[in-house]
Structures are given as structure tokens and as C-alpha cells.
Amino acid sequence: MKPAPQRAVPWSRRIRLADAKSILSKTRGFISEAGFTHSLTPARNCTFGCVYCYVPTLRIQGGLRQEDWRNWGRFTTFKDNAAELLDRALRPDQVIYCSPLVDPYQPAEEHRRIMPELLETLIRKPPRVFVLQTRGPLILRDVKQLKVLATRTRLRVSFSLTTNRDDVRKLYEPLCSSVNERVATLAALRDTGIPTYATLAPLLPCEPTELARLALAFTDQDIIGDPFHVHAVKQHGATTRPEALRISQVHQFDDWHLPDFQSHVVTTLQSTIQAAGRRFGIGRSAFRWLAQP
């Protein structure tokens, strides 16, 4: 069973604008325990629309409205006054994660271009640490600003590489860039000198040794991973959406949601990566590498 195709809706109807009351949120749970003081979310709803994304399961707790979780990926609402709000909220001791709820370089960002505004604000008033989490090659558009920001704060990019198999990527992430495009983006970011981490999360069905080799070949930092969130391991908070579970069942990838199988995959990745002289970690302890001053 293939995921339902997105209807060809013009971008003018998929992008909404609204003023927000705030732009930085004090962290709690996983992100807080990893060492971040604040999160920055530039929009509501994400036009990547990955079928496994945990954010719609958060509902109101994730700052969403009912139309967001019911129509995940079909539109996004940018916080139109985000740069103004950020200018007021920034402090030099903040450790900021952008973003736990929406990809800052989602496809709609190519049209709204809110990130250059935010980066200019961060350059003027840098926090202690700023981390960008994305799977979007569009980040390369802003490399000049990112290089300047890296001279003002501890900047890190965490770039998502979920599988080495593009057939699998098409099942779970049909609107995301191909594996080849993503490793090329990793290499380009690495070559700028900006600390760029390959984040193997969530771990989609893959050949673990080959995925590890890809991450090692195109980055020079330690490597972070995380399996699918499942209730057997994570009994509270957000977990993988039912849409992804159905795809796994149809394509006989059920094992990837079983804790014992996940542990085997993690061990294989860790063995390959450590043999190359780098660290591999999962969960809070690994994401803490991103938050370090």
C-alpha cells in the first residue's frame, strides 16, 4: 500500500500567514533533558508531511489546531511576525533548538523565505547555542548567513538521513529529497566548515552497515540516531503515527517497530561507526552533543 498522493494544490493556497504571540518556547521533556533551554518553531504544520511524524499525535500539546493534525502536510501556517518576536525574545545565554515541531526548511519555506529573516536576527543578537534540525537541501540557500552566524554563536546543523534505500524513503517520506540529494547536502554543509551531524532518525528500514558508511563518508562529526518511537519503549508522549505502521505492515517491515530488532539495528550501526573512530548514540544523551556550549 502506497501513501495517498498529495493533491496538486497551488502554493498560494498551501501557505497561510498569521501573527503569533510568541516565537521561543521554554523546553520540556526530551529536548529539555538534552540540554536545550528554548525551541524555535517558525510555522505550524509541515509541508514535508512525513507519514511517521510524531508531531500530529501531540495535537494541542504541540501547539496545533484540529485542522493541522487532520490535514497534516497539506498546508502550513507561517508565523508572519516571527523575526520581530525573536528580536524581542533573544538572550545571550539561550540554547535554542529549531525545531521540534516543524522542519525549518520545509518545501513551503522556498516561497515564504522566513528563515533568512530569522537568521539575520540571530546574527544581530546571537544566543549561546543555535541548532538547526532539517532534512531539507533548501538549507544551502542560506549558507552565507549560516557561515556568519557560526562566527557569532555555537551553530550546529543536524541533518536527517533516515535510510540508504530510496524505495523506502518514497514510502515513508514521499515529499522529501532523495537519499542522493541528502548526502550531497551533508557534504556541502561539511565543506563549509559548519559543524553538521548526520542524524539517522527515525531509523527507517535500511541496510544498517551501508547507512552507517554513508553517514561516515559525507560528514566528519559524531553520528546520532533514533529508532521509530513505539509504545513498548516510549509509553508517554508522542509516538509514530498509525499511517507509518500500516505502511510497515503492508511492506513487511513490522520488525522495525519491535524493541529487540531496533536494538540489533542500533548495535550494528554503533559497531560500524565506532570502528571508524567516531561516536554513535541515540536518544537524549546523543542529542545532548548538539546542545553543548
C-alpha atoms as a PDB file:
ATOM      1  CA  MET A   1       0.000   0.000   0.000  1.00  0.00           C
ATOM      2  CA  LYS A   2       1.433   3.348  -1.057  1.00  0.00           C
ATOM      3  CA  PRO A   3       0.732   6.559   0.864  1.00  0.00           C
ATOM      4  CA  ALA A   4      -2.063   8.625  -0.610  1.00  0.00           C
ATOM      5  CA  PRO A   5      -0.599  11.145  -3.064  1.00  0.00           C
ATOM      6  CA  GLN A   6      -0.776  14.797  -2.188  1.00  0.00           C
ATOM      7  CA  ARG A   7      -3.207  16.735  -4.350  1.00  0.00           C
ATOM      8  CA  ALA A   8      -1.556  19.317  -6.585  1.00  0.00           C
ATOM      9  CA  VAL A   9      -2.661  22.342  -4.606  1.00  0.00           C
ATOM     10  CA  PRO A  10      -1.109  25.686  -5.637  1.00  0.00           C
ATOM     11  CA  TRP A  11       1.365  27.077  -3.111  1.00  0.00           C
ATOM     12  CA  SER A  12      -0.760  30.191  -2.798  1.00  0.00           C
ATOM     13  CA  ARG A  13      -3.390  28.001  -1.133  1.00  0.00           C
ATOM     14  CA  ARG A  14      -0.974  25.864   0.878  1.00  0.00           C
ATOM     15  CA  ILE A  15       0.769  28.756   2.651  1.00  0.00           C
ATOM     16  CA  ARG A  16      -1.039  30.699   5.342  1.00  0.00           C
ATOM     17  CA  LEU A  17       0.214  33.616   7.395  1.00  0.00           C
ATOM     18  CA  ALA A  18      -0.729  34.558  10.932  1.00  0.00           C
ATOM     19  CA  ASP A  19       0.741  36.690  13.687  1.00  0.00           C
ATOM     20  CA  ALA A  20       1.884  34.702  16.700  1.00  0.00           C
ATOM     21  CA  LYS A  21       2.036  35.681  20.359  1.00  0.00           C
ATOM     22  CA  SER A  22       5.498  34.187  20.899  1.00  0.00           C
ATOM     23  CA  ILE A  23       8.292  32.543  18.932  1.00  0.00           C
ATOM     24  CA  LEU A  24      10.566  30.988  21.579  1.00  0.00           C
ATOM     25  CA  SER A  25       9.186  28.331  23.906  1.00  0.00           C
ATOM     26  CA  LYS A  26      10.830  27.098  27.069  1.00  0.00           C
ATOM     27  CA  THR A  27      11.657  23.454  26.561  1.00  0.00           C
ATOM     28  CA  ARG A  28      10.372  20.460  28.463  1.00  0.00           C
ATOM     29  CA  GLY A  29      10.657  16.695  28.178  1.00  0.00           C
ATOM     30  CA  PHE A  30      13.147  15.189  25.715  1.00  0.00           C
ATOM     31  CA  ILE A  31      14.529  18.476  24.343  1.00  0.00           C
ATOM     32  CA  SER A  32      14.941  19.991  27.792  1.00  0.00           C
ATOM     33  CA  GLU A  33      16.683  16.864  29.095  1.00  0.00           C
ATOM     34  CA  ALA A  34      19.049  17.053  26.117  1.00  0.00           C
ATOM     35  CA  GLY A  35      20.182  20.470  27.337  1.00  0.00           C
ATOM     36  CA  PHE A  36      18.190  22.977  25.267  1.00  0.00           C
ATOM     37  CA  THR A  37      16.616  25.917  27.058  1.00  0.00           C
ATOM     38  CA  HIS A  38      14.297  27.042  24.242  1.00  0.00           C
ATOM     39  CA  SER A  39      12.813  25.860  20.970  1.00  0.00           C
ATOM     40  CA  LEU A  40      12.082  27.998  17.940  1.00  0.00           C
ATOM     41  CA  THR A  41       9.213  26.941  15.685  1.00  0.00           C
ATOM     42  CA  PRO A  42       8.695  29.243  12.668  1.00  0.00           C
ATOM     43  CA  ALA A  43       5.439  27.698  11.460  1.00  0.00           C
ATOM     44  CA  ARG A  44       2.546  25.406  12.319  1.00  0.00           C
ATOM     45  CA  ASN A  45       2.105  22.217  10.251  1.00  0.00           C
ATOM     46  CA  CYS A  46       4.829  20.968   7.878  1.00  0.00           C
ATOM     47  CA  THR A  47       4.587  20.510   4.114  1.00  0.00           C
ATOM     48  CA  PHE A  48       7.005  17.583   4.145  1.00  0.00           C
ATOM     49  CA  GLY A  49       4.100  15.633   5.667  1.00  0.00           C
ATOM     50  CA  CYS A  50       6.187  12.557   6.555  1.00  0.00           C
ATOM     51  CA  VAL A  51       3.837   9.666   7.328  1.00  0.00           C
ATOM     52  CA  TYR A  52       5.614   8.703  10.560  1.00  0.00           C
ATOM     53  CA  CYS A  53       5.896  12.219  12.016  1.00  0.00           C
ATOM     54  CA  TYR A  54       5.063  12.268  15.714  1.00  0.00           C
ATOM     55  CA  VAL A  55       4.035  15.930  15.809  1.00  0.00           C
ATOM     56  CA  PRO A  56       0.342  15.441  14.811  1.00  0.00           C
ATOM     57  CA  THR A  57      -0.010  12.988  17.713  1.00  0.00           C
ATOM     58  CA  LEU A  58       0.797  15.849  20.102  1.00  0.00           C
ATOM     59  CA  ARG A  59      -2.288  17.779  18.964  1.00  0.00           C
ATOM     60  CA  ILE A  60      -2.994  20.771  21.217  1.00  0.00           C
ATOM     61  CA  GLN A  61       0.088  20.000  23.336  1.00  0.00           C
ATOM     62  CA  GLY A  62       2.159  20.570  20.187  1.00  0.00           C
ATOM     63  CA  GLY A  63       0.591  23.955  19.536  1.00  0.00           C
ATOM     64  CA  LEU A  64      -1.572  22.547  16.743  1.00  0.00           C
ATOM     65  CA  ARG A  65      -5.162  23.171  15.810  1.00  0.00           C
ATOM     66  CA  GLN A  66      -7.570  20.444  14.811  1.00  0.00           C
ATOM     67  CA  GLU A  67      -7.260  21.320  11.118  1.00  0.00           C
ATOM     68  CA  ASP A  68      -3.487  20.858  11.420  1.00  0.00           C
ATOM     69  CA  TRP A  69      -3.451  17.299  12.707  1.00  0.00           C
ATOM     70  CA  ARG A  70      -6.348  16.273  10.482  1.00  0.00           C
ATOM     71  CA  ASN A  71      -4.633  17.693   7.380  1.00  0.00           C
ATOM     72  CA  TRP A  72      -1.012  17.117   8.248  1.00  0.00           C
ATOM     73  CA  GLY A  73       1.292  18.121   5.391  1.00  0.00           C
ATOM     74  CA  ARG A  74      -1.352  19.743   3.193  1.00  0.00           C
ATOM     75  CA  PHE A  75      -0.603  23.323   4.248  1.00  0.00           C
ATOM     76  CA  THR A  76       1.463  25.321   6.702  1.00  0.00           C
ATOM     77  CA  THR A  77       0.857  28.491   8.704  1.00  0.00           C
ATOM     78  CA  PHE A  78       3.940  30.684   8.998  1.00  0.00           C
ATOM     79  CA  LYS A  79       4.321  32.966  11.983  1.00  0.00           C
ATOM     80  CA  ASP A  80       4.422  36.162   9.959  1.00  0.00           C
ATOM     81  CA  ASN A  81       5.828  38.294  12.787  1.00  0.00           C
ATOM     82  CA  ALA A  82       8.446  35.686  13.752  1.00  0.00           C
ATOM     83  CA  ALA A  83      11.509  37.904  13.231  1.00  0.00           C
ATOM     84  CA  GLU A  84      10.035  40.744  15.279  1.00  0.00           C
ATOM     85  CA  LEU A  85       9.131  38.369  18.115  1.00  0.00           C
ATOM     86  CA  LEU A  86      12.560  36.729  18.003  1.00  0.00           C
ATOM     87  CA  ASP A  87      14.298  40.079  18.228  1.00  0.00           C
ATOM     88  CA  ARG A  88      12.477  40.764  21.495  1.00  0.00           C
ATOM     89  CA  ALA A  89      12.966  37.283  22.953  1.00  0.00           C
ATOM     90  CA  LEU A  90      16.636  36.508  22.279  1.00  0.00           C
ATOM     91  CA  ARG A  91      19.095  36.400  25.186  1.00  0.00           C
ATOM     92  CA  PRO A  92      22.824  35.559  25.094  1.00  0.00           C
ATOM     93  CA  ASP A  93      22.535  32.562  27.451  1.00  0.00           C
ATOM     94  CA  GLN A  94      19.879  30.671  25.459  1.00  0.00           C
ATOM     95  CA  VAL A  95      20.443  27.228  23.917  1.00  0.00           C
ATOM     96  CA  ILE A  96      17.925  27.027  21.070  1.00  0.00           C
ATOM     97  CA  TYR A  97      16.662  24.060  19.033  1.00  0.00           C
ATOM     98  CA  CYS A  98      14.961  24.824  15.716  1.00  0.00           C
ATOM     99  CA  SER A  99      12.648  22.999  15.502  1.00  0.00           C
ATOM    100  CA  PRO A 100      10.970  20.079  17.280  1.00  0.00           C
ATOM    101  CA  LEU A 101       7.575  20.687  15.642  1.00  0.00           C
ATOM    102  CA  VAL A 102       8.201  21.668  12.017  1.00  0.00           C
ATOM    103  CA  ASP A 103      11.130  21.432   9.610  1.00  0.00           C
ATOM    104  CA  PRO A 104      12.526  24.969   9.198  1.00  0.00           C
ATOM    105  CA  TYR A 105      13.406  24.126   5.589  1.00  0.00           C
ATOM    106  CA  GLN A 106      10.107  22.506   4.652  1.00  0.00           C
ATOM    107  CA  PRO A 107       9.111  22.929   0.967  1.00  0.00           C
ATOM    108  CA  ALA A 108       6.898  25.945   1.706  1.00  0.00           C
ATOM    109  CA  GLU A 109       9.946  27.840   3.019  1.00  0.00           C
ATOM    110  CA  GLU A 110      11.168  28.264  -0.558  1.00  0.00           C
ATOM    111  CA  HIS A 111       8.162  30.504  -1.159  1.00  0.00           C
ATOM    112  CA  ARG A 112       7.764  32.341   2.181  1.00  0.00           C
ATOM    113  CA  ARG A 113      11.512  32.739   2.969  1.00  0.00           C
ATOM    114  CA  ILE A 114      11.058  33.258   6.699  1.00  0.00           C
ATOM    115  CA  MET A 115      14.407  31.678   7.667  1.00  0.00           C
ATOM    116  CA  PRO A 116      16.636  34.436   6.185  1.00  0.00           C
ATOM    117  CA  GLU A 117      14.746  36.943   8.361  1.00  0.00           C
ATOM    118  CA  LEU A 118      15.293  34.814  11.448  1.00  0.00           C
ATOM    119  CA  LEU A 119      18.962  34.219  10.668  1.00  0.00           C
ATOM    120  CA  GLU A 120      19.567  37.955  10.298  1.00  0.00           C
ATOM    121  CA  THR A 121      18.017  38.477  13.728  1.00  0.00           C
ATOM    122  CA  LEU A 122      20.164  35.712  15.227  1.00  0.00           C
ATOM    123  CA  ILE A 123      23.293  37.253  13.718  1.00  0.00           C
ATOM    124  CA  ARG A 124      22.488  40.579  15.386  1.00  0.00           C
ATOM    125  CA  LYS A 125      21.542  39.055  18.745  1.00  0.00           C
ATOM    126  CA  PRO A 126      23.205  35.632  18.961  1.00  0.00           C
ATOM    127  CA  PRO A 127      22.218  33.096  21.618  1.00  0.00           C
ATOM    128  CA  ARG A 128      24.736  30.807  23.287  1.00  0.00           C
ATOM    129  CA  VAL A 129      23.945  27.815  21.033  1.00  0.00           C
ATOM    130  CA  PHE A 130      21.713  27.519  17.975  1.00  0.00           C
ATOM    131  CA  VAL A 131      20.859  24.167  16.369  1.00  0.00           C
ATOM    132  CA  LEU A 132      19.015  23.670  13.085  1.00  0.00           C
ATOM    133  CA  GLN A 133      17.288  20.304  12.603  1.00  0.00           C
ATOM    134  CA  THR A 134      16.262  19.663   8.995  1.00  0.00           C
ATOM    135  CA  ARG A 135      16.039  17.194   6.135  1.00  0.00           C
ATOM    136  CA  GLY A 136      15.732  19.929   3.509  1.00  0.00           C
ATOM    137  CA  PRO A 137      18.507  20.697   0.978  1.00  0.00           C
ATOM    138  CA  LEU A 138      16.978  24.184   0.835  1.00  0.00           C
ATOM    139  CA  ILE A 139      19.240  24.997   3.792  1.00  0.00           C
ATOM    140  CA  LEU A 140      22.058  25.503   1.262  1.00  0.00           C
ATOM    141  CA  ARG A 141      20.280  28.647   0.065  1.00  0.00           C
ATOM    142  CA  ASP A 142      21.191  30.303   3.375  1.00  0.00           C
ATOM    143  CA  VAL A 143      24.805  29.142   3.667  1.00  0.00           C
ATOM    144  CA  LYS A 144      26.248  32.673   3.578  1.00  0.00           C
ATOM    145  CA  GLN A 145      24.133  33.725   6.552  1.00  0.00           C
ATOM    146  CA  LEU A 146      24.843  30.476   8.369  1.00  0.00           C
ATOM    147  CA  LYS A 147      28.596  30.988   7.985  1.00  0.00           C
ATOM    148  CA  VAL A 148      28.284  34.461   9.502  1.00  0.00           C
ATOM    149  CA  LEU A 149      26.106  33.149  12.317  1.00  0.00           C
ATOM    150  CA  ALA A 150      28.707  30.455  13.043  1.00  0.00           C
ATOM    151  CA  THR A 151      31.187  33.222  13.900  1.00  0.00           C
ATOM    152  CA  ARG A 152      28.745  34.684  16.441  1.00  0.00           C
ATOM    153  CA  THR A 153      27.374  31.614  18.225  1.00  0.00           C
ATOM    154  CA  ARG A 154      27.865  27.874  18.580  1.00  0.00           C
ATOM    155  CA  LEU A 155      25.968  26.820  15.456  1.00  0.00           C
ATOM    156  CA  ARG A 156      25.261  23.198  14.612  1.00  0.00           C
ATOM    157  CA  VAL A 157      23.189  21.582  11.869  1.00  0.00           C
ATOM    158  CA  SER A 158      21.533  18.233  12.498  1.00  0.00           C
ATOM    159  CA  PHE A 159      20.600  16.824   9.080  1.00  0.00           C
ATOM    160  CA  SER A 160      18.230  13.876   8.876  1.00  0.00           C
ATOM    161  CA  LEU A 161      19.342  10.817   6.900  1.00  0.00           C
ATOM    162  CA  THR A 162      16.795   8.089   7.589  1.00  0.00           C
ATOM    163  CA  THR A 163      17.726   5.239   5.217  1.00  0.00           C
ATOM    164  CA  ASN A 164      20.136   4.305   2.445  1.00  0.00           C
ATOM    165  CA  ARG A 165      17.235   2.979   0.318  1.00  0.00           C
ATOM    166  CA  ASP A 166      15.353   5.455  -1.825  1.00  0.00           C
ATOM    167  CA  ASP A 167      12.499   2.979  -2.403  1.00  0.00           C
ATOM    168  CA  VAL A 168      11.923   3.015   1.354  1.00  0.00           C
ATOM    169  CA  ARG A 169      12.269   6.799   1.524  1.00  0.00           C
ATOM    170  CA  LYS A 170       9.482   7.118  -1.059  1.00  0.00           C
ATOM    171  CA  LEU A 171       7.140   5.042   1.128  1.00  0.00           C
ATOM    172  CA  TYR A 172       7.575   6.987   4.356  1.00  0.00           C
ATOM    173  CA  GLU A 173       8.841  10.394   3.136  1.00  0.00           C
ATOM    174  CA  PRO A 174       7.355  10.817  -0.367  1.00  0.00           C
ATOM    175  CA  LEU A 175       7.767  14.605  -0.383  1.00  0.00           C
ATOM    176  CA  CYS A 176      11.345  14.640   0.910  1.00  0.00           C
ATOM    177  CA  SER A 177      14.501  14.755  -1.148  1.00  0.00           C
ATOM    178  CA  SER A 178      16.193  11.586  -2.333  1.00  0.00           C
ATOM    179  CA  VAL A 179      18.965   9.858  -0.423  1.00  0.00           C
ATOM    180  CA  ASN A 180      21.500  11.081  -3.005  1.00  0.00           C
ATOM    181  CA  GLU A 181      20.343  14.697  -2.630  1.00  0.00           C
ATOM    182  CA  ARG A 182      20.567  14.460   1.124  1.00  0.00           C
ATOM    183  CA  VAL A 183      24.083  13.061   1.280  1.00  0.00           C
ATOM    184  CA  ALA A 184      25.155  15.717  -1.233  1.00  0.00           C
ATOM    185  CA  THR A 185      23.698  18.353   1.100  1.00  0.00           C
ATOM    186  CA  LEU A 186      25.554  16.835   4.052  1.00  0.00           C
ATOM    187  CA  ALA A 187      28.813  17.007   2.107  1.00  0.00           C
ATOM    188  CA  ALA A 188      28.197  20.614   1.024  1.00  0.00           C
ATOM    189  CA  LEU A 189      27.464  21.691   4.599  1.00  0.00           C
ATOM    190  CA  ARG A 190      30.507  19.836   5.904  1.00  0.00           C
ATOM    191  CA  ASP A 191      32.691  21.563   3.328  1.00  0.00           C
ATOM    192  CA  THR A 192      31.596  24.998   4.567  1.00  0.00           C
ATOM    193  CA  GLY A 193      33.074  24.199   7.976  1.00  0.00           C
ATOM    194  CA  ILE A 194      29.706  24.419   9.732  1.00  0.00           C
ATOM    195  CA  PRO A 195      29.512  21.509  12.227  1.00  0.00           C
ATOM    196  CA  THR A 196      26.998  19.177  10.578  1.00  0.00           C
ATOM    197  CA  TYR A 197      25.734  15.961  12.134  1.00  0.00           C
ATOM    198  CA  ALA A 198      24.072  13.123  10.257  1.00  0.00           C
ATOM    199  CA  THR A 199      21.003  12.249  12.304  1.00  0.00           C
ATOM    200  CA  LEU A 200      19.687   8.787  11.470  1.00  0.00           C
ATOM    201  CA  ALA A 201      16.230   9.402  12.864  1.00  0.00           C
ATOM    202  CA  PRO A 202      13.840   7.832  12.682  1.00  0.00           C
ATOM    203  CA  LEU A 203      15.653   4.729  11.508  1.00  0.00           C
ATOM    204  CA  LEU A 204      13.623   3.607   8.516  1.00  0.00           C
ATOM    205  CA  PRO A 205      14.133   0.147   7.004  1.00  0.00           C
ATOM    206  CA  CYS A 206      17.671   0.102   5.638  1.00  0.00           C
ATOM    207  CA  GLU A 207      20.910  -1.844   5.403  1.00  0.00           C
ATOM    208  CA  PRO A 208      22.404  -0.582   8.682  1.00  0.00           C
ATOM    209  CA  THR A 209      26.038  -1.061   7.699  1.00  0.00           C
ATOM    210  CA  GLU A 210      25.532   0.782   4.406  1.00  0.00           C
ATOM    211  CA  LEU A 211      23.632   3.618   6.125  1.00  0.00           C
ATOM    212  CA  ALA A 212      26.479   3.966   8.613  1.00  0.00           C
ATOM    213  CA  ARG A 213      29.012   4.085   5.780  1.00  0.00           C
ATOM    214  CA  LEU A 214      27.048   6.823   4.019  1.00  0.00           C
ATOM    215  CA  ALA A 215      26.931   8.932   7.176  1.00  0.00           C
ATOM    216  CA  LEU A 216      30.649   8.414   7.756  1.00  0.00           C
ATOM    217  CA  ALA A 217      31.559   9.261   4.172  1.00  0.00           C
ATOM    218  CA  PHE A 218      29.678  12.548   3.973  1.00  0.00           C
ATOM    219  CA  THR A 219      30.206  14.006   7.469  1.00  0.00           C
ATOM    220  CA  ASP A 220      33.073  14.479   9.896  1.00  0.00           C
ATOM    221  CA  GLN A 221      31.120  14.714  13.170  1.00  0.00           C
ATOM    222  CA  ASP A 222      29.777  12.067  15.531  1.00  0.00           C
ATOM    223  CA  ILE A 223      26.542  10.433  14.401  1.00  0.00           C
ATOM    224  CA  ILE A 224      23.146  10.473  16.085  1.00  0.00           C
ATOM    225  CA  GLY A 225      20.290   8.018  15.653  1.00  0.00           C
ATOM    226  CA  ASP A 226      16.883   7.054  16.967  1.00  0.00           C
ATOM    227  CA  PRO A 227      14.551   4.174  16.045  1.00  0.00           C
ATOM    228  CA  PHE A 228      10.825   4.535  15.445  1.00  0.00           C
ATOM    229  CA  HIS A 229       9.062   5.662  18.643  1.00  0.00           C
ATOM    230  CA  VAL A 230       6.917   2.788  19.887  1.00  0.00           C
ATOM    231  CA  HIS A 231       4.684   2.485  22.961  1.00  0.00           C
ATOM    232  CA  ALA A 232       6.633  -0.527  24.229  1.00  0.00           C
ATOM    233  CA  VAL A 233       9.650   1.742  24.732  1.00  0.00           C
ATOM    234  CA  LYS A 234       8.077   5.190  24.982  1.00  0.00           C
ATOM    235  CA  GLN A 235       4.876   4.832  26.965  1.00  0.00           C
ATOM    236  CA  HIS A 236       4.267   8.556  27.326  1.00  0.00           C
ATOM    237  CA  GLY A 237       4.344  11.401  24.832  1.00  0.00           C
ATOM    238  CA  ALA A 238       4.426  11.331  21.054  1.00  0.00           C
ATOM    239  CA  THR A 239       4.877   8.129  19.079  1.00  0.00           C
ATOM    240  CA  THR A 240       4.940   7.014  15.449  1.00  0.00           C
ATOM    241  CA  ARG A 241       1.696   7.680  13.582  1.00  0.00           C
ATOM    242  CA  PRO A 242      -0.612   4.799  12.563  1.00  0.00           C
ATOM    243  CA  GLU A 243      -0.084   5.711   8.897  1.00  0.00           C
ATOM    244  CA  ALA A 244       3.553   4.599   9.137  1.00  0.00           C
ATOM    245  CA  LEU A 245       2.620   1.420  10.993  1.00  0.00           C
ATOM    246  CA  ARG A 246       0.229   0.478   8.190  1.00  0.00           C
ATOM    247  CA  ILE A 247       2.916   1.020   5.558  1.00  0.00           C
ATOM    248  CA  SER A 248       5.332  -1.148   7.559  1.00  0.00           C
ATOM    249  CA  GLN A 249       2.755  -3.922   7.821  1.00  0.00           C
ATOM    250  CA  VAL A 250       1.920  -3.909   4.107  1.00  0.00           C
ATOM    251  CA  HIS A 251       5.592  -3.969   3.093  1.00  0.00           C
ATOM    252  CA  GLN A 252       6.630  -6.478   5.771  1.00  0.00           C
ATOM    253  CA  PHE A 253       8.743  -4.034   7.738  1.00  0.00           C
ATOM    254  CA  ASP A 254       6.962  -4.784  11.028  1.00  0.00           C
ATOM    255  CA  ASP A 255      10.208  -5.794  12.720  1.00  0.00           C
ATOM    256  CA  TRP A 256      11.443  -2.203  12.578  1.00  0.00           C
ATOM    257  CA  HIS A 257       8.873  -1.324  15.266  1.00  0.00           C
ATOM    258  CA  LEU A 258       9.971  -4.106  17.667  1.00  0.00           C
ATOM    259  CA  PRO A 259      12.315  -3.085  20.513  1.00  0.00           C
ATOM    260  CA  ASP A 260      14.586  -6.143  20.209  1.00  0.00           C
ATOM    261  CA  PHE A 261      15.003  -5.674  16.471  1.00  0.00           C
ATOM    262  CA  GLN A 262      15.633  -1.963  16.958  1.00  0.00           C
ATOM    263  CA  SER A 263      18.357  -2.789  19.471  1.00  0.00           C
ATOM    264  CA  HIS A 264      20.010  -5.097  16.935  1.00  0.00           C
ATOM    265  CA  VAL A 265      19.984  -2.342  14.287  1.00  0.00           C
ATOM    266  CA  VAL A 266      21.433   0.186  16.738  1.00  0.00           C
ATOM    267  CA  THR A 267      24.188  -2.252  17.731  1.00  0.00           C
ATOM    268  CA  THR A 268      25.115  -2.824  14.082  1.00  0.00           C
ATOM    269  CA  LEU A 269      25.272   0.909  13.405  1.00  0.00           C
ATOM    270  CA  GLN A 270      27.281   1.531  16.543  1.00  0.00           C
ATOM    271  CA  SER A 271      29.798  -1.192  15.691  1.00  0.00           C
ATOM    272  CA  THR A 272      30.424   0.185  12.200  1.00  0.00           C
ATOM    273  CA  ILE A 273      30.652   3.811  13.303  1.00  0.00           C
ATOM    274  CA  GLN A 274      32.865   3.179  16.322  1.00  0.00           C
ATOM    275  CA  ALA A 275      35.201   1.090  14.177  1.00  0.00           C
ATOM    276  CA  ALA A 276      35.713   4.256  12.111  1.00  0.00           C
ATOM    277  CA  GLY A 277      36.719   6.188  15.236  1.00  0.00           C
ATOM    278  CA  ARG A 278      33.514   8.133  15.802  1.00  0.00           C
ATOM    279  CA  ARG A 279      30.771   8.057  18.402  1.00  0.00           C
ATOM    280  CA  PHE A 280      27.242   6.866  17.723  1.00  0.00           C
ATOM    281  CA  GLY A 281      24.455   7.482  20.183  1.00  0.00           C
ATOM    282  CA  ILE A 282      20.690   7.539  20.435  1.00  0.00           C
ATOM    283  CA  GLY A 283      18.155   9.440  22.493  1.00  0.00           C
ATOM    284  CA  ARG A 284      18.809  12.277  24.940  1.00  0.00           C
ATOM    285  CA  SER A 285      22.474  11.507  25.520  1.00  0.00           C
ATOM    286  CA  ALA A 286      23.275  11.831  21.812  1.00  0.00           C
ATOM    287  CA  PHE A 287      21.111  14.904  21.218  1.00  0.00           C
ATOM    288  CA  ARG A 288      22.984  16.460  24.147  1.00  0.00           C
ATOM    289  CA  TRP A 289      26.047  16.618  21.875  1.00  0.00           C
ATOM    290  CA  LEU A 290      24.178  19.223  19.841  1.00  0.00           C
ATOM    291  CA  ALA A 291      23.403  21.401  22.864  1.00  0.00           C
ATOM    292  CA  GLN A 292      26.894  21.563  24.329  1.00  0.00           C
ATOM    293  CA  PRO A 293      28.288  25.119  24.647  1.00  0.00           C
END
